Amino acid sequence: LHAGATEHDERGVYVSFEENASDIEEA
């Protein structure tokens, strides 16, 4: 998702059933 947004002007969605948003951002 990071490469899509920063290198290809492609927006992304992260759907997590296991982590909070803050956990994903920390990772």
mmCIF file of all heavy atoms, coordinates in Angstrom:
data_MODEL
# 
_entry.id   MODEL 
# 
loop_
_atom_site.group_PDB 
_atom_site.id 
_atom_site.type_symbol 
_atom_site.label_atom_id 
_atom_site.label_alt_id 
_atom_site.label_comp_id 
_atom_site.label_asym_id 
_atom_site.label_entity_id 
_atom_site.label_seq_id 
_atom_site.pdbx_PDB_ins_code 
_atom_site.Cartn_x 
_atom_site.Cartn_y 
_atom_site.Cartn_z 
_atom_site.occupancy 
_atom_site.B_iso_or_equiv 
_atom_site.pdbx_formal_charge 
_atom_site.auth_seq_id 
_atom_site.auth_comp_id 
_atom_site.auth_asym_id 
_atom_site.auth_atom_id 
_atom_site.pdbx_PDB_model_num 
ATOM 1   N N   . LEU A 1 1  ? 0.827   -1.209  0.000  1.00 0.00 ? 1  LEU A N   1 
ATOM 2   C CA  . LEU A 1 1  ? 0.000   0.000   0.000  1.00 0.00 ? 1  LEU A CA  1 
ATOM 3   C C   . LEU A 1 1  ? 0.860   1.257   0.000  1.00 0.00 ? 1  LEU A C   1 
ATOM 4   O O   . LEU A 1 1  ? 0.528   2.245   -0.669 1.00 0.00 ? 1  LEU A O   1 
ATOM 5   C CB  . LEU A 1 1  ? -0.929  0.006   1.213  1.00 0.00 ? 1  LEU A CB  1 
ATOM 6   C CG  . LEU A 1 1  ? -1.982  -1.108  1.281  1.00 0.00 ? 1  LEU A CG  1 
ATOM 7   C CD1 . LEU A 1 1  ? -2.887  -0.885  2.489  1.00 0.00 ? 1  LEU A CD1 1 
ATOM 8   C CD2 . LEU A 1 1  ? -2.810  -1.178  0.001  1.00 0.00 ? 1  LEU A CD2 1 
ATOM 9   N N   . HIS A 1 2  ? 1.963   1.229   0.741  1.00 0.00 ? 2  HIS A N   1 
ATOM 10  C CA  . HIS A 1 2  ? 2.847   2.399   0.803  1.00 0.00 ? 2  HIS A CA  1 
ATOM 11  C C   . HIS A 1 2  ? 3.436   2.707   -0.564 1.00 0.00 ? 2  HIS A C   1 
ATOM 12  O O   . HIS A 1 2  ? 3.457   3.865   -1.007 1.00 0.00 ? 2  HIS A O   1 
ATOM 13  C CB  . HIS A 1 2  ? 3.963   2.144   1.822  1.00 0.00 ? 2  HIS A CB  1 
ATOM 14  C CG  . HIS A 1 2  ? 4.901   3.289   1.997  1.00 0.00 ? 2  HIS A CG  1 
ATOM 15  N ND1 . HIS A 1 2  ? 6.058   3.425   1.248  1.00 0.00 ? 2  HIS A ND1 1 
ATOM 16  C CD2 . HIS A 1 2  ? 4.857   4.374   2.827  1.00 0.00 ? 2  HIS A CD2 1 
ATOM 17  C CE1 . HIS A 1 2  ? 6.682   4.529   1.615  1.00 0.00 ? 2  HIS A CE1 1 
ATOM 18  N NE2 . HIS A 1 2  ? 5.979   5.123   2.567  1.00 0.00 ? 2  HIS A NE2 1 
ATOM 19  N N   . ALA A 1 3  ? 3.899   1.670   -1.260 1.00 0.00 ? 3  ALA A N   1 
ATOM 20  C CA  . ALA A 1 3  ? 4.466   1.870   -2.600 1.00 0.00 ? 3  ALA A CA  1 
ATOM 21  C C   . ALA A 1 3  ? 3.414   2.404   -3.557 1.00 0.00 ? 3  ALA A C   1 
ATOM 22  O O   . ALA A 1 3  ? 3.700   3.271   -4.394 1.00 0.00 ? 3  ALA A O   1 
ATOM 23  C CB  . ALA A 1 3  ? 5.051   0.562   -3.127 1.00 0.00 ? 3  ALA A CB  1 
ATOM 24  N N   . GLY A 1 4  ? 2.206   1.887   -3.455 1.00 0.00 ? 4  GLY A N   1 
ATOM 25  C CA  . GLY A 1 4  ? 1.140   2.372   -4.324 1.00 0.00 ? 4  GLY A CA  1 
ATOM 26  C C   . GLY A 1 4  ? 0.894   3.857   -4.149 1.00 0.00 ? 4  GLY A C   1 
ATOM 27  O O   . GLY A 1 4  ? 0.769   4.608   -5.131 1.00 0.00 ? 4  GLY A O   1 
ATOM 28  N N   . ALA A 1 5  ? 0.841   4.295   -2.886 1.00 0.00 ? 5  ALA A N   1 
ATOM 29  C CA  . ALA A 1 5  ? 0.528   5.696   -2.599 1.00 0.00 ? 5  ALA A CA  1 
ATOM 30  C C   . ALA A 1 5  ? 1.683   6.635   -2.928 1.00 0.00 ? 5  ALA A C   1 
ATOM 31  O O   . ALA A 1 5  ? 1.464   7.753   -3.425 1.00 0.00 ? 5  ALA A O   1 
ATOM 32  C CB  . ALA A 1 5  ? 0.138   5.841   -1.128 1.00 0.00 ? 5  ALA A CB  1 
ATOM 33  N N   . THR A 1 6  ? 2.920   6.207   -2.667 1.00 0.00 ? 6  THR A N   1 
ATOM 34  C CA  . THR A 1 6  ? 4.062   7.107   -2.810 1.00 0.00 ? 6  THR A CA  1 
ATOM 35  C C   . THR A 1 6  ? 4.734   7.038   -4.176 1.00 0.00 ? 6  THR A C   1 
ATOM 36  O O   . THR A 1 6  ? 5.372   8.011   -4.594 1.00 0.00 ? 6  THR A O   1 
ATOM 37  C CB  . THR A 1 6  ? 5.122   6.806   -1.731 1.00 0.00 ? 6  THR A CB  1 
ATOM 38  O OG1 . THR A 1 6  ? 5.560   5.442   -1.852 1.00 0.00 ? 6  THR A OG1 1 
ATOM 39  C CG2 . THR A 1 6  ? 4.539   7.026   -0.334 1.00 0.00 ? 6  THR A CG2 1 
ATOM 40  N N   . GLU A 1 7  ? 4.607   5.905   -4.869 1.00 0.00 ? 7  GLU A N   1 
ATOM 41  C CA  . GLU A 1 7  ? 5.331   5.736   -6.130 1.00 0.00 ? 7  GLU A CA  1 
ATOM 42  C C   . GLU A 1 7  ? 4.434   5.672   -7.359 1.00 0.00 ? 7  GLU A C   1 
ATOM 43  O O   . GLU A 1 7  ? 4.906   5.905   -8.478 1.00 0.00 ? 7  GLU A O   1 
ATOM 44  C CB  . GLU A 1 7  ? 6.185   4.449   -6.069 1.00 0.00 ? 7  GLU A CB  1 
ATOM 45  C CG  . GLU A 1 7  ? 7.216   4.452   -4.954 1.00 0.00 ? 7  GLU A CG  1 
ATOM 46  C CD  . GLU A 1 7  ? 7.953   3.132   -4.828 1.00 0.00 ? 7  GLU A CD  1 
ATOM 47  O OE1 . GLU A 1 7  ? 7.887   2.333   -5.798 1.00 0.00 ? 7  GLU A OE1 1 
ATOM 48  O OE2 . GLU A 1 7  ? 8.556   2.886   -3.778 1.00 0.00 ? 7  GLU A OE2 1 
ATOM 49  N N   . HIS A 1 8  ? 3.156   5.339   -7.169 1.00 0.00 ? 8  HIS A N   1 
ATOM 50  C CA  . HIS A 1 8  ? 2.297   5.098   -8.330 1.00 0.00 ? 8  HIS A CA  1 
ATOM 51  C C   . HIS A 1 8  ? 0.982   5.880   -8.290 1.00 0.00 ? 8  HIS A C   1 
ATOM 52  O O   . HIS A 1 8  ? 0.126   5.659   -9.147 1.00 0.00 ? 8  HIS A O   1 
ATOM 53  C CB  . HIS A 1 8  ? 1.995   3.597   -8.450 1.00 0.00 ? 8  HIS A CB  1 
ATOM 54  C CG  . HIS A 1 8  ? 3.220   2.744   -8.536 1.00 0.00 ? 8  HIS A CG  1 
ATOM 55  N ND1 . HIS A 1 8  ? 3.979   2.649   -9.685 1.00 0.00 ? 8  HIS A ND1 1 
ATOM 56  C CD2 . HIS A 1 8  ? 3.842   1.974   -7.600 1.00 0.00 ? 8  HIS A CD2 1 
ATOM 57  C CE1 . HIS A 1 8  ? 5.010   1.839   -9.465 1.00 0.00 ? 8  HIS A CE1 1 
ATOM 58  N NE2 . HIS A 1 8  ? 4.943   1.419   -8.215 1.00 0.00 ? 8  HIS A NE2 1 
ATOM 59  N N   . ASP A 1 9  ? 0.835   6.768   -7.316 1.00 0.00 ? 9  ASP A N   1 
ATOM 60  C CA  . ASP A 1 9  ? -0.379  7.575   -7.201 1.00 0.00 ? 9  ASP A CA  1 
ATOM 61  C C   . ASP A 1 9  ? -1.630  6.690   -7.148 1.00 0.00 ? 9  ASP A C   1 
ATOM 62  O O   . ASP A 1 9  ? -2.637  6.982   -7.789 1.00 0.00 ? 9  ASP A O   1 
ATOM 63  C CB  . ASP A 1 9  ? -0.473  8.566   -8.360 1.00 0.00 ? 9  ASP A CB  1 
ATOM 64  C CG  . ASP A 1 9  ? -1.511  9.669   -8.105 1.00 0.00 ? 9  ASP A CG  1 
ATOM 65  O OD1 . ASP A 1 9  ? -1.774  9.980   -6.927 1.00 0.00 ? 9  ASP A OD1 1 
ATOM 66  O OD2 . ASP A 1 9  ? -2.062  10.203  -9.082 1.00 0.00 ? 9  ASP A OD2 1 
ATOM 67  N N   . GLU A 1 10 ? -1.536  5.605   -6.378 1.00 0.00 ? 10 GLU A N   1 
ATOM 68  C CA  . GLU A 1 10 ? -2.635  4.657   -6.241 1.00 0.00 ? 10 GLU A CA  1 
ATOM 69  C C   . GLU A 1 10 ? -3.066  4.591   -4.778 1.00 0.00 ? 10 GLU A C   1 
ATOM 70  O O   . GLU A 1 10 ? -2.258  4.262   -3.907 1.00 0.00 ? 10 GLU A O   1 
ATOM 71  C CB  . GLU A 1 10 ? -2.219  3.269   -6.744 1.00 0.00 ? 10 GLU A CB  1 
ATOM 72  C CG  . GLU A 1 10 ? -1.937  3.245   -8.236 1.00 0.00 ? 10 GLU A CG  1 
ATOM 73  C CD  . GLU A 1 10 ? -1.501  1.864   -8.734 1.00 0.00 ? 10 GLU A CD  1 
ATOM 74  O OE1 . GLU A 1 10 ? -1.241  0.988   -7.901 1.00 0.00 ? 10 GLU A OE1 1 
ATOM 75  O OE2 . GLU A 1 10 ? -1.432  1.700   -9.966 1.00 0.00 ? 10 GLU A OE2 1 
ATOM 76  N N   . ARG A 1 11 ? -4.321  4.877   -4.538 1.00 0.00 ? 11 ARG A N   1 
ATOM 77  C CA  . ARG A 1 11 ? -4.847  4.855   -3.166 1.00 0.00 ? 11 ARG A CA  1 
ATOM 78  C C   . ARG A 1 11 ? -5.105  3.415   -2.722 1.00 0.00 ? 11 ARG A C   1 
ATOM 79  O O   . ARG A 1 11 ? -5.385  2.532   -3.544 1.00 0.00 ? 11 ARG A O   1 
ATOM 80  C CB  . ARG A 1 11 ? -6.131  5.676   -3.065 1.00 0.00 ? 11 ARG A CB  1 
ATOM 81  C CG  . ARG A 1 11 ? -5.952  7.138   -3.434 1.00 0.00 ? 11 ARG A CG  1 
ATOM 82  C CD  . ARG A 1 11 ? -7.291  7.846   -3.398 1.00 0.00 ? 11 ARG A CD  1 
ATOM 83  N NE  . ARG A 1 11 ? -7.750  8.046   -2.024 1.00 0.00 ? 11 ARG A NE  1 
ATOM 84  C CZ  . ARG A 1 11 ? -9.030  8.285   -1.681 1.00 0.00 ? 11 ARG A CZ  1 
ATOM 85  N NH1 . ARG A 1 11 ? -9.964  8.284   -2.629 1.00 0.00 ? 11 ARG A NH1 1 
ATOM 86  N NH2 . ARG A 1 11 ? -9.363  8.476   -0.427 1.00 0.00 ? 11 ARG A NH2 1 
ATOM 87  N N   . GLY A 1 12 ? -5.011  3.186   -1.412 1.00 0.00 ? 12 GLY A N   1 
ATOM 88  C CA  . GLY A 1 12 ? -5.154  1.831   -0.900 1.00 0.00 ? 12 GLY A CA  1 
ATOM 89  C C   . GLY A 1 12 ? -6.031  1.751   0.334  1.00 0.00 ? 12 GLY A C   1 
ATOM 90  O O   . GLY A 1 12 ? -6.244  2.741   1.038  1.00 0.00 ? 12 GLY A O   1 
ATOM 91  N N   . VAL A 1 13 ? -6.524  0.536   0.594  1.00 0.00 ? 13 VAL A N   1 
ATOM 92  C CA  . VAL A 1 13 ? -7.353  0.251   1.766  1.00 0.00 ? 13 VAL A CA  1 
ATOM 93  C C   . VAL A 1 13 ? -6.735  -0.917  2.518  1.00 0.00 ? 13 VAL A C   1 
ATOM 94  O O   . VAL A 1 13 ? -6.402  -1.950  1.914  1.00 0.00 ? 13 VAL A O   1 
ATOM 95  C CB  . VAL A 1 13 ? -8.802  -0.122  1.365  1.00 0.00 ? 13 VAL A CB  1 
ATOM 96  C CG1 . VAL A 1 13 ? -9.654  -0.384  2.608  1.00 0.00 ? 13 VAL A CG1 1 
ATOM 97  C CG2 . VAL A 1 13 ? -9.419  0.967   0.504  1.00 0.00 ? 13 VAL A CG2 1 
ATOM 98  N N   . TYR A 1 14 ? -6.571  -0.758  3.831  1.00 0.00 ? 14 TYR A N   1 
ATOM 99  C CA  . TYR A 1 14 ? -6.096  -1.842  4.680  1.00 0.00 ? 14 TYR A CA  1 
ATOM 100 C C   . TYR A 1 14 ? -7.258  -2.256  5.580  1.00 0.00 ? 14 TYR A C   1 
ATOM 101 O O   . TYR A 1 14 ? -7.729  -1.470  6.395  1.00 0.00 ? 14 TYR A O   1 
ATOM 102 C CB  . TYR A 1 14 ? -4.906  -1.373  5.526  1.00 0.00 ? 14 TYR A CB  1 
ATOM 103 C CG  . TYR A 1 14 ? -4.087  -2.504  6.116  1.00 0.00 ? 14 TYR A CG  1 
ATOM 104 C CD1 . TYR A 1 14 ? -2.776  -2.741  5.697  1.00 0.00 ? 14 TYR A CD1 1 
ATOM 105 C CD2 . TYR A 1 14 ? -4.616  -3.337  7.099  1.00 0.00 ? 14 TYR A CD2 1 
ATOM 106 C CE1 . TYR A 1 14 ? -2.022  -3.781  6.221  1.00 0.00 ? 14 TYR A CE1 1 
ATOM 107 C CE2 . TYR A 1 14 ? -3.871  -4.381  7.629  1.00 0.00 ? 14 TYR A CE2 1 
ATOM 108 C CZ  . TYR A 1 14 ? -2.574  -4.588  7.196  1.00 0.00 ? 14 TYR A CZ  1 
ATOM 109 O OH  . TYR A 1 14 ? -1.832  -5.622  7.718  1.00 0.00 ? 14 TYR A OH  1 
ATOM 110 N N   . VAL A 1 15 ? -7.735  -3.494  5.423  1.00 0.00 ? 15 VAL A N   1 
ATOM 111 C CA  . VAL A 1 15 ? -8.825  -4.032  6.228  1.00 0.00 ? 15 VAL A CA  1 
ATOM 112 C C   . VAL A 1 15 ? -8.229  -5.033  7.206  1.00 0.00 ? 15 VAL A C   1 
ATOM 113 O O   . VAL A 1 15 ? -7.675  -6.055  6.792  1.00 0.00 ? 15 VAL A O   1 
ATOM 114 C CB  . VAL A 1 15 ? -9.892  -4.726  5.349  1.00 0.00 ? 15 VAL A CB  1 
ATOM 115 C CG1 . VAL A 1 15 ? -11.052 -5.211  6.209  1.00 0.00 ? 15 VAL A CG1 1 
ATOM 116 C CG2 . VAL A 1 15 ? -10.392 -3.787  4.259  1.00 0.00 ? 15 VAL A CG2 1 
ATOM 117 N N   . SER A 1 16 ? -8.328  -4.743  8.493  1.00 0.00 ? 16 SER A N   1 
ATOM 118 C CA  . SER A 1 16 ? -7.730  -5.623  9.495  1.00 0.00 ? 16 SER A CA  1 
ATOM 119 C C   . SER A 1 16 ? -8.780  -6.126  10.475 1.00 0.00 ? 16 SER A C   1 
ATOM 120 O O   . SER A 1 16 ? -9.512  -5.332  11.072 1.00 0.00 ? 16 SER A O   1 
ATOM 121 C CB  . SER A 1 16 ? -6.623  -4.893  10.266 1.00 0.00 ? 16 SER A CB  1 
ATOM 122 O OG  . SER A 1 16 ? -6.106  -5.736  11.278 1.00 0.00 ? 16 SER A OG  1 
ATOM 123 N N   . PHE A 1 17 ? -8.822  -7.438  10.629 1.00 0.00 ? 17 PHE A N   1 
ATOM 124 C CA  . PHE A 1 17 ? -9.666  -8.063  11.643 1.00 0.00 ? 17 PHE A CA  1 
ATOM 125 C C   . PHE A 1 17 ? -8.866  -8.359  12.911 1.00 0.00 ? 17 PHE A C   1 
ATOM 126 O O   . PHE A 1 17 ? -9.418  -8.899  13.864 1.00 0.00 ? 17 PHE A O   1 
ATOM 127 C CB  . PHE A 1 17 ? -10.250 -9.373  11.105 1.00 0.00 ? 17 PHE A CB  1 
ATOM 128 C CG  . PHE A 1 17 ? -11.288 -9.189  10.037 1.00 0.00 ? 17 PHE A CG  1 
ATOM 129 C CD1 . PHE A 1 17 ? -10.938 -9.259  8.701  1.00 0.00 ? 17 PHE A CD1 1 
ATOM 130 C CD2 . PHE A 1 17 ? -12.614 -8.944  10.358 1.00 0.00 ? 17 PHE A CD2 1 
ATOM 131 C CE1 . PHE A 1 17 ? -11.890 -9.098  7.706  1.00 0.00 ? 17 PHE A CE1 1 
ATOM 132 C CE2 . PHE A 1 17 ? -13.571 -8.778  9.372  1.00 0.00 ? 17 PHE A CE2 1 
ATOM 133 C CZ  . PHE A 1 17 ? -13.210 -8.855  8.044  1.00 0.00 ? 17 PHE A CZ  1 
ATOM 134 N N   . GLU A 1 18 ? -7.574  -8.013  12.922 1.00 0.00 ? 18 GLU A N   1 
ATOM 135 C CA  . GLU A 1 18 ? -6.713  -8.429  14.028 1.00 0.00 ? 18 GLU A CA  1 
ATOM 136 C C   . GLU A 1 18 ? -6.018  -7.277  14.737 1.00 0.00 ? 18 GLU A C   1 
ATOM 137 O O   . GLU A 1 18 ? -5.586  -7.441  15.883 1.00 0.00 ? 18 GLU A O   1 
ATOM 138 C CB  . GLU A 1 18 ? -5.665  -9.420  13.512 1.00 0.00 ? 18 GLU A CB  1 
ATOM 139 C CG  . GLU A 1 18 ? -6.278  -10.676 12.888 1.00 0.00 ? 18 GLU A CG  1 
ATOM 140 C CD  . GLU A 1 18 ? -5.242  -11.721 12.545 1.00 0.00 ? 18 GLU A CD  1 
ATOM 141 O OE1 . GLU A 1 18 ? -4.046  -11.463 12.763 1.00 0.00 ? 18 GLU A OE1 1 
ATOM 142 O OE2 . GLU A 1 18 ? -5.626  -12.812 12.082 1.00 0.00 ? 18 GLU A OE2 1 
ATOM 143 N N   . GLU A 1 19 ? -5.865  -6.133  14.092 1.00 0.00 ? 19 GLU A N   1 
ATOM 144 C CA  . GLU A 1 19 ? -5.098  -5.024  14.666 1.00 0.00 ? 19 GLU A CA  1 
ATOM 145 C C   . GLU A 1 19 ? -5.901  -3.740  14.659 1.00 0.00 ? 19 GLU A C   1 
ATOM 146 O O   . GLU A 1 19 ? -6.816  -3.553  13.851 1.00 0.00 ? 19 GLU A O   1 
ATOM 147 C CB  . GLU A 1 19 ? -3.811  -4.800  13.864 1.00 0.00 ? 19 GLU A CB  1 
ATOM 148 C CG  . GLU A 1 19 ? -2.899  -6.016  13.746 1.00 0.00 ? 19 GLU A CG  1 
ATOM 149 C CD  . GLU A 1 19 ? -2.146  -6.320  15.022 1.00 0.00 ? 19 GLU A CD  1 
ATOM 150 O OE1 . GLU A 1 19 ? -2.177  -5.485  15.946 1.00 0.00 ? 19 GLU A OE1 1 
ATOM 151 O OE2 . GLU A 1 19 ? -1.523  -7.391  15.093 1.00 0.00 ? 19 GLU A OE2 1 
ATOM 152 N N   . ASN A 1 20 ? -5.547  -2.836  15.581 1.00 0.00 ? 20 ASN A N   1 
ATOM 153 C CA  . ASN A 1 20 ? -6.066  -1.479  15.550 1.00 0.00 ? 20 ASN A CA  1 
ATOM 154 C C   . ASN A 1 20 ? -5.244  -0.654  14.565 1.00 0.00 ? 20 ASN A C   1 
ATOM 155 O O   . ASN A 1 20 ? -4.108  -1.010  14.226 1.00 0.00 ? 20 ASN A O   1 
ATOM 156 C CB  . ASN A 1 20 ? -5.993  -0.837  16.939 1.00 0.00 ? 20 ASN A CB  1 
ATOM 157 C CG  . ASN A 1 20 ? -6.936  -1.497  17.923 1.00 0.00 ? 20 ASN A CG  1 
ATOM 158 O OD1 . ASN A 1 20 ? -8.029  -1.939  17.562 1.00 0.00 ? 20 ASN A OD1 1 
ATOM 159 N ND2 . ASN A 1 20 ? -6.524  -1.565  19.179 1.00 0.00 ? 20 ASN A ND2 1 
ATOM 160 N N   . ALA A 1 21 ? -5.787  0.467   14.134 1.00 0.00 ? 21 ALA A N   1 
ATOM 161 C CA  . ALA A 1 21 ? -5.088  1.325   13.176 1.00 0.00 ? 21 ALA A CA  1 
ATOM 162 C C   . ALA A 1 21 ? -3.727  1.766   13.719 1.00 0.00 ? 21 ALA A C   1 
ATOM 163 O O   . ALA A 1 21 ? -2.739  1.809   12.977 1.00 0.00 ? 21 ALA A O   1 
ATOM 164 C CB  . ALA A 1 21 ? -5.951  2.544   12.851 1.00 0.00 ? 21 ALA A CB  1 
ATOM 165 N N   . SER A 1 22 ? -3.670  2.056   15.008 1.00 0.00 ? 22 SER A N   1 
ATOM 166 C CA  . SER A 1 22 ? -2.401  2.500   15.598 1.00 0.00 ? 22 SER A CA  1 
ATOM 167 C C   . SER A 1 22 ? -1.339  1.400   15.532 1.00 0.00 ? 22 SER A C   1 
ATOM 168 O O   . SER A 1 22 ? -0.150  1.684   15.319 1.00 0.00 ? 22 SER A O   1 
ATOM 169 C CB  . SER A 1 22 ? -2.615  2.927   17.056 1.00 0.00 ? 22 SER A CB  1 
ATOM 170 O OG  . SER A 1 22 ? -3.143  1.864   17.825 1.00 0.00 ? 22 SER A OG  1 
ATOM 171 N N   . ASP A 1 23 ? -1.743  0.145   15.679 1.00 0.00 ? 23 ASP A N   1 
ATOM 172 C CA  . ASP A 1 23 ? -0.802  -0.975  15.577 1.00 0.00 ? 23 ASP A CA  1 
ATOM 173 C C   . ASP A 1 23 ? -0.224  -1.076  14.167 1.00 0.00 ? 23 ASP A C   1 
ATOM 174 O O   . ASP A 1 23 ? 0.976   -1.338  13.989 1.00 0.00 ? 23 ASP A O   1 
ATOM 175 C CB  . ASP A 1 23 ? -1.496  -2.291  15.931 1.00 0.00 ? 23 ASP A CB  1 
ATOM 176 C CG  . ASP A 1 23 ? -2.006  -2.330  17.356 1.00 0.00 ? 23 ASP A CG  1 
ATOM 177 O OD1 . ASP A 1 23 ? -1.333  -1.773  18.237 1.00 0.00 ? 23 ASP A OD1 1 
ATOM 178 O OD2 . ASP A 1 23 ? -3.081  -2.907  17.580 1.00 0.00 ? 23 ASP A OD2 1 
ATOM 179 N N   . ILE A 1 24 ? -1.079  -0.875  13.175 1.00 0.00 ? 24 ILE A N   1 
ATOM 180 C CA  . ILE A 1 24 ? -0.635  -0.958  11.782 1.00 0.00 ? 24 ILE A CA  1 
ATOM 181 C C   . ILE A 1 24 ? 0.336   0.177   11.466 1.00 0.00 ? 24 ILE A C   1 
ATOM 182 O O   . ILE A 1 24 ? 1.379   -0.031  10.833 1.00 0.00 ? 24 ILE A O   1 
ATOM 183 C CB  . ILE A 1 24 ? -1.854  -0.919  10.844 1.00 0.00 ? 24 ILE A CB  1 
ATOM 184 C CG1 . ILE A 1 24 ? -2.745  -2.144  11.089 1.00 0.00 ? 24 ILE A CG1 1 
ATOM 185 C CG2 . ILE A 1 24 ? -1.419  -0.851  9.373  1.00 0.00 ? 24 ILE A CG2 1 
ATOM 186 C CD1 . ILE A 1 24 ? -4.135  -2.033  10.506 1.00 0.00 ? 24 ILE A CD1 1 
ATOM 187 N N   . GLU A 1 25 ? 0.024   1.364   11.936 1.00 0.00 ? 25 GLU A N   1 
ATOM 188 C CA  . GLU A 1 25 ? 0.895   2.512   11.692 1.00 0.00 ? 25 GLU A CA  1 
ATOM 189 C C   . GLU A 1 25 ? 2.236   2.339   12.410 1.00 0.00 ? 25 GLU A C   1 
ATOM 190 O O   . GLU A 1 25 ? 3.285   2.712   11.876 1.00 0.00 ? 25 GLU A O   1 
ATOM 191 C CB  . GLU A 1 25 ? 0.196   3.789   12.128 1.00 0.00 ? 25 GLU A CB  1 
ATOM 192 C CG  . GLU A 1 25 ? -1.007  4.127   11.252 1.00 0.00 ? 25 GLU A CG  1 
ATOM 193 C CD  . GLU A 1 25 ? -1.759  5.360   11.717 1.00 0.00 ? 25 GLU A CD  1 
ATOM 194 O OE1 . GLU A 1 25 ? -1.145  6.224   12.372 1.00 0.00 ? 25 GLU A OE1 1 
ATOM 195 O OE2 . GLU A 1 25 ? -2.970  5.469   11.432 1.00 0.00 ? 25 GLU A OE2 1 
ATOM 196 N N   . GLU A 1 26 ? 2.226   1.767   13.602 1.00 0.00 ? 26 GLU A N   1 
ATOM 197 C CA  . GLU A 1 26 ? 3.471   1.510   14.326 1.00 0.00 ? 26 GLU A CA  1 
ATOM 198 C C   . GLU A 1 26 ? 4.309   0.455   13.605 1.00 0.00 ? 26 GLU A C   1 
ATOM 199 O O   . GLU A 1 26 ? 5.540   0.558   13.555 1.00 0.00 ? 26 GLU A O   1 
ATOM 200 C CB  . GLU A 1 26 ? 3.163   1.061   15.752 1.00 0.00 ? 26 GLU A CB  1 
ATOM 201 C CG  . GLU A 1 26 ? 2.662   2.185   16.650 1.00 0.00 ? 26 GLU A CG  1 
ATOM 202 C CD  . GLU A 1 26 ? 2.184   1.680   18.001 1.00 0.00 ? 26 GLU A CD  1 
ATOM 203 O OE1 . GLU A 1 26 ? 2.395   0.487   18.304 1.00 0.00 ? 26 GLU A OE1 1 
ATOM 204 O OE2 . GLU A 1 26 ? 1.602   2.483   18.761 1.00 0.00 ? 26 GLU A OE2 1 
ATOM 205 N N   . ALA A 1 27 ? 3.658   -0.570  13.054 1.00 0.00 ? 27 ALA A N   1 
ATOM 206 C CA  . ALA A 1 27 ? 4.380   -1.595  12.296 1.00 0.00 ? 27 ALA A CA  1 
ATOM 207 C C   . ALA A 1 27 ? 5.042   -0.976  11.069 1.00 0.00 ? 27 ALA A C   1 
ATOM 208 O O   . ALA A 1 27 ? 6.181   -1.320  10.713 1.00 0.00 ? 27 ALA A O   1 
ATOM 209 C CB  . ALA A 1 27 ? 3.432   -2.716  11.891 1.00 0.00 ? 27 ALA A CB  1 
# 
